[in-house]
N, C-alpha and C. Protein backbone atom coordinates (compact mmCIF):
# COMPACT_ATOMS: atom_id res chain seq x y z
N MET A 1 -15.53 -16.99 29.45
CA MET A 1 -14.24 -16.78 28.30
C MET A 1 -14.69 -15.25 28.03
N THR A 2 -13.75 -14.41 28.01
CA THR A 2 -14.09 -13.14 27.30
C THR A 2 -14.14 -12.57 26.47
N LYS A 3 -14.62 -11.48 26.14
CA LYS A 3 -14.97 -11.03 24.55
C LYS A 3 -13.66 -10.51 23.96
N ARG A 4 -13.33 -10.30 23.01
CA ARG A 4 -12.15 -9.89 22.13
C ARG A 4 -12.43 -7.92 22.28
N LYS A 5 -11.51 -7.50 22.55
CA LYS A 5 -11.49 -5.72 21.77
C LYS A 5 -11.45 -5.62 21.18
N ASN A 6 -12.11 -4.34 20.47
CA ASN A 6 -11.88 -4.19 19.24
C ASN A 6 -11.82 -2.49 19.36
N TYR A 7 -10.23 -2.34 18.68
CA TYR A 7 -9.51 -0.95 19.02
C TYR A 7 -10.06 0.02 17.92
N SER A 8 -10.65 1.53 17.74
CA SER A 8 -10.81 2.39 16.56
C SER A 8 -9.95 2.56 16.15
N PRO A 9 -10.19 2.79 14.58
CA PRO A 9 -8.56 2.93 13.52
C PRO A 9 -7.79 4.56 14.26
N ASP A 10 -8.67 5.32 14.99
CA ASP A 10 -7.91 6.51 15.36
C ASP A 10 -7.19 5.98 16.34
N PHE A 11 -7.62 5.13 17.24
CA PHE A 11 -6.89 4.85 18.69
C PHE A 11 -5.61 3.73 18.11
N LYS A 12 -5.58 2.92 17.28
CA LYS A 12 -4.68 2.51 16.64
C LYS A 12 -3.17 3.36 15.94
N ALA A 13 -3.88 4.31 15.09
CA ALA A 13 -3.12 5.16 14.45
C ALA A 13 -2.53 6.05 15.88
N LYS A 14 -2.40 6.50 16.80
CA LYS A 14 -2.41 7.30 17.69
C LYS A 14 -1.10 6.41 18.72
N VAL A 15 -1.62 5.28 18.56
CA VAL A 15 -0.96 4.10 19.40
C VAL A 15 0.51 3.88 18.67
N ALA A 16 0.23 3.53 17.32
CA ALA A 16 1.54 3.84 15.92
C ALA A 16 1.92 4.44 16.14
N LEU A 17 1.61 5.58 15.99
CA LEU A 17 2.42 6.78 15.62
C LEU A 17 3.35 7.17 16.94
N GLU A 18 2.78 6.65 18.22
CA GLU A 18 3.90 7.08 19.39
C GLU A 18 4.85 6.09 19.43
N ALA A 19 4.91 4.70 18.95
CA ALA A 19 5.49 3.77 18.42
C ALA A 19 6.48 4.09 17.11
N ILE A 20 6.11 4.76 16.22
CA ILE A 20 7.04 5.21 15.40
C ILE A 20 7.80 6.40 15.68
N ARG A 21 7.37 7.01 16.79
CA ARG A 21 8.04 7.90 17.45
C ARG A 21 9.37 7.82 18.03
N GLU A 22 9.20 6.62 18.55
CA GLU A 22 9.91 5.75 19.42
C GLU A 22 10.75 6.61 21.05
N GLU A 23 9.96 7.52 21.31
CA GLU A 23 10.27 8.16 22.43
C GLU A 23 9.82 7.43 23.55
N MET A 24 9.33 6.34 23.49
CA MET A 24 9.04 5.16 24.65
C MET A 24 9.05 4.09 24.07
N THR A 25 9.70 2.87 24.64
CA THR A 25 9.72 1.41 24.13
C THR A 25 8.60 0.78 24.29
N LEU A 26 8.62 -0.55 23.22
CA LEU A 26 6.93 -1.13 22.84
C LEU A 26 6.26 -1.75 24.68
N ALA A 27 7.68 -1.64 25.31
CA ALA A 27 6.94 -2.55 27.08
C ALA A 27 6.40 -1.38 27.44
N GLU A 28 7.01 0.12 27.15
CA GLU A 28 6.10 1.23 28.29
C GLU A 28 5.14 1.62 27.24
N LEU A 29 4.76 1.55 26.20
CA LEU A 29 3.61 1.88 25.57
C LEU A 29 2.62 0.78 26.00
N SER A 30 2.89 -0.37 26.44
CA SER A 30 2.10 -1.47 26.20
C SER A 30 1.52 -1.34 27.73
N LYS A 31 2.25 -1.02 28.84
CA LYS A 31 1.47 -0.83 29.84
C LYS A 31 0.73 0.63 30.37
N LYS A 32 1.13 1.41 29.51
CA LYS A 32 0.28 2.99 29.10
C LYS A 32 -0.76 2.89 28.51
N TYR A 33 -1.05 1.85 27.92
CA TYR A 33 -2.43 1.34 27.19
C TYR A 33 -2.57 0.03 27.45
N GLY A 34 -2.55 -0.75 27.85
CA GLY A 34 -2.76 -2.16 28.43
C GLY A 34 -3.12 -3.07 27.11
N ILE A 35 -2.17 -2.90 26.37
CA ILE A 35 -2.22 -3.71 24.98
C ILE A 35 -0.77 -4.30 25.07
N HIS A 36 -0.48 -5.45 24.60
CA HIS A 36 0.70 -6.54 24.40
C HIS A 36 1.17 -5.81 23.72
N PRO A 37 2.78 -5.92 23.59
CA PRO A 37 3.82 -5.34 22.45
C PRO A 37 3.92 -5.67 21.13
N THR A 38 3.61 -7.12 20.97
CA THR A 38 3.38 -7.53 19.65
C THR A 38 2.44 -6.80 18.80
N GLN A 39 1.53 -6.54 19.68
CA GLN A 39 -0.14 -5.78 18.78
C GLN A 39 0.85 -4.73 18.17
N ILE A 40 1.44 -3.77 19.39
CA ILE A 40 1.62 -2.35 18.74
C ILE A 40 2.55 -2.48 17.87
N GLY A 41 3.45 -3.85 17.83
CA GLY A 41 4.48 -3.58 16.66
C GLY A 41 3.77 -3.96 15.56
N THR A 42 2.84 -4.36 15.37
CA THR A 42 1.84 -5.05 14.23
C THR A 42 1.21 -3.73 13.91
N TRP A 43 1.19 -2.74 14.72
CA TRP A 43 0.02 -1.51 14.13
C TRP A 43 1.35 -0.71 13.65
N LYS A 44 2.35 -0.73 14.03
CA LYS A 44 3.47 -0.13 13.62
C LYS A 44 3.75 -0.38 12.40
N CYS A 45 4.03 -1.59 12.05
CA CYS A 45 4.64 -1.70 10.98
C CYS A 45 3.54 -1.73 9.68
N ALA A 46 2.08 -2.19 10.08
CA ALA A 46 1.26 -1.81 9.16
C ALA A 46 0.92 -0.09 9.00
N ALA A 47 1.03 0.77 9.93
CA ALA A 47 1.44 2.34 9.55
C ALA A 47 1.97 2.78 8.45
N ILE A 48 3.47 2.15 8.97
CA ILE A 48 4.67 2.02 7.77
C ILE A 48 4.58 1.66 6.61
N GLU A 49 3.96 0.52 6.40
CA GLU A 49 3.98 -0.34 5.26
C GLU A 49 2.90 0.72 4.34
N ASN A 50 1.96 1.18 4.69
CA ASN A 50 0.86 2.12 4.23
C ASN A 50 0.81 3.53 4.56
N LEU A 51 1.92 3.82 4.46
CA LEU A 51 2.30 5.33 5.08
C LEU A 51 1.70 6.15 3.23
N ALA A 52 2.40 5.64 2.27
CA ALA A 52 2.29 6.26 0.98
C ALA A 52 0.72 6.29 0.73
N THR A 53 -0.56 5.55 1.26
CA THR A 53 -1.59 5.92 0.71
C THR A 53 -2.13 7.26 1.18
N ALA A 54 -1.23 8.10 2.04
CA ALA A 54 -1.69 8.98 2.67
C ALA A 54 -1.44 10.23 1.49
N PHE A 55 -0.56 9.89 0.44
CA PHE A 55 -0.42 11.21 -0.44
C PHE A 55 -0.54 10.66 -1.53
N THR A 56 -1.50 9.95 -1.51
CA THR A 56 -2.28 9.49 -2.94
C THR A 56 -3.58 10.30 -3.45
N ARG A 57 -3.56 10.75 -4.32
CA ARG A 57 -4.67 11.63 -4.97
C ARG A 57 -5.74 10.96 -4.50
N ARG A 58 -7.03 11.52 -4.46
CA ARG A 58 -8.52 10.94 -4.15
C ARG A 58 -9.38 10.59 -4.89
N GLY A 59 -8.98 10.52 -6.45
CA GLY A 59 -9.61 10.28 -7.59
C GLY A 59 -8.83 8.51 -8.22
N SER A 60 -7.78 8.75 -7.82
CA SER A 60 -6.83 7.32 -7.99
C SER A 60 -7.26 6.60 -6.84
N VAL A 61 -6.99 5.09 -7.58
CA VAL A 61 -7.15 4.08 -7.16
C VAL A 61 -5.83 3.65 -5.92
N ALA A 62 -6.23 3.66 -4.61
CA ALA A 62 -5.01 3.65 -4.07
C ALA A 62 -4.56 2.10 -3.88
N GLU A 63 -3.54 1.73 -3.96
CA GLU A 63 -2.79 0.54 -3.89
C GLU A 63 -2.40 0.26 -2.70
N GLN A 64 -2.88 -0.69 -1.84
CA GLN A 64 -2.76 -0.80 -0.53
C GLN A 64 -2.11 -2.23 -0.31
N VAL A 65 -0.93 -1.82 0.72
CA VAL A 65 0.05 -2.78 0.95
C VAL A 65 -0.14 -3.79 2.16
N GLN A 66 -0.55 -5.23 2.27
CA GLN A 66 -0.81 -5.60 2.86
C GLN A 66 0.27 -6.16 4.13
N PRO A 67 -0.05 -6.32 5.37
CA PRO A 67 1.34 -6.53 6.00
C PRO A 67 1.59 -7.66 5.77
N GLN A 68 3.51 -8.22 6.43
CA GLN A 68 3.85 -9.03 6.10
C GLN A 68 3.90 -9.93 7.03
N ASN A 69 3.87 -11.45 6.91
CA ASN A 69 3.93 -12.20 8.49
C ASN A 69 5.35 -12.56 8.51
N ARG A 70 5.56 -12.09 9.97
CA ARG A 70 7.28 -12.12 10.22
C ARG A 70 7.30 -13.54 10.95
């Protein structure tokens, strides 16, 4: 049995940003990074849903959006 892969938040953000740009398809990104297209789509949705937290003030409590099940 193989061990699950853990990806760093920086790597997830990099891949999600490429998916948001839509310069390559999810299948092409999947082949490039060796990650399942569904996983890339999940990271893309999470990045888009939590994008507003990047613009909150540091002292305020950020309300984080949980990914929706599709």
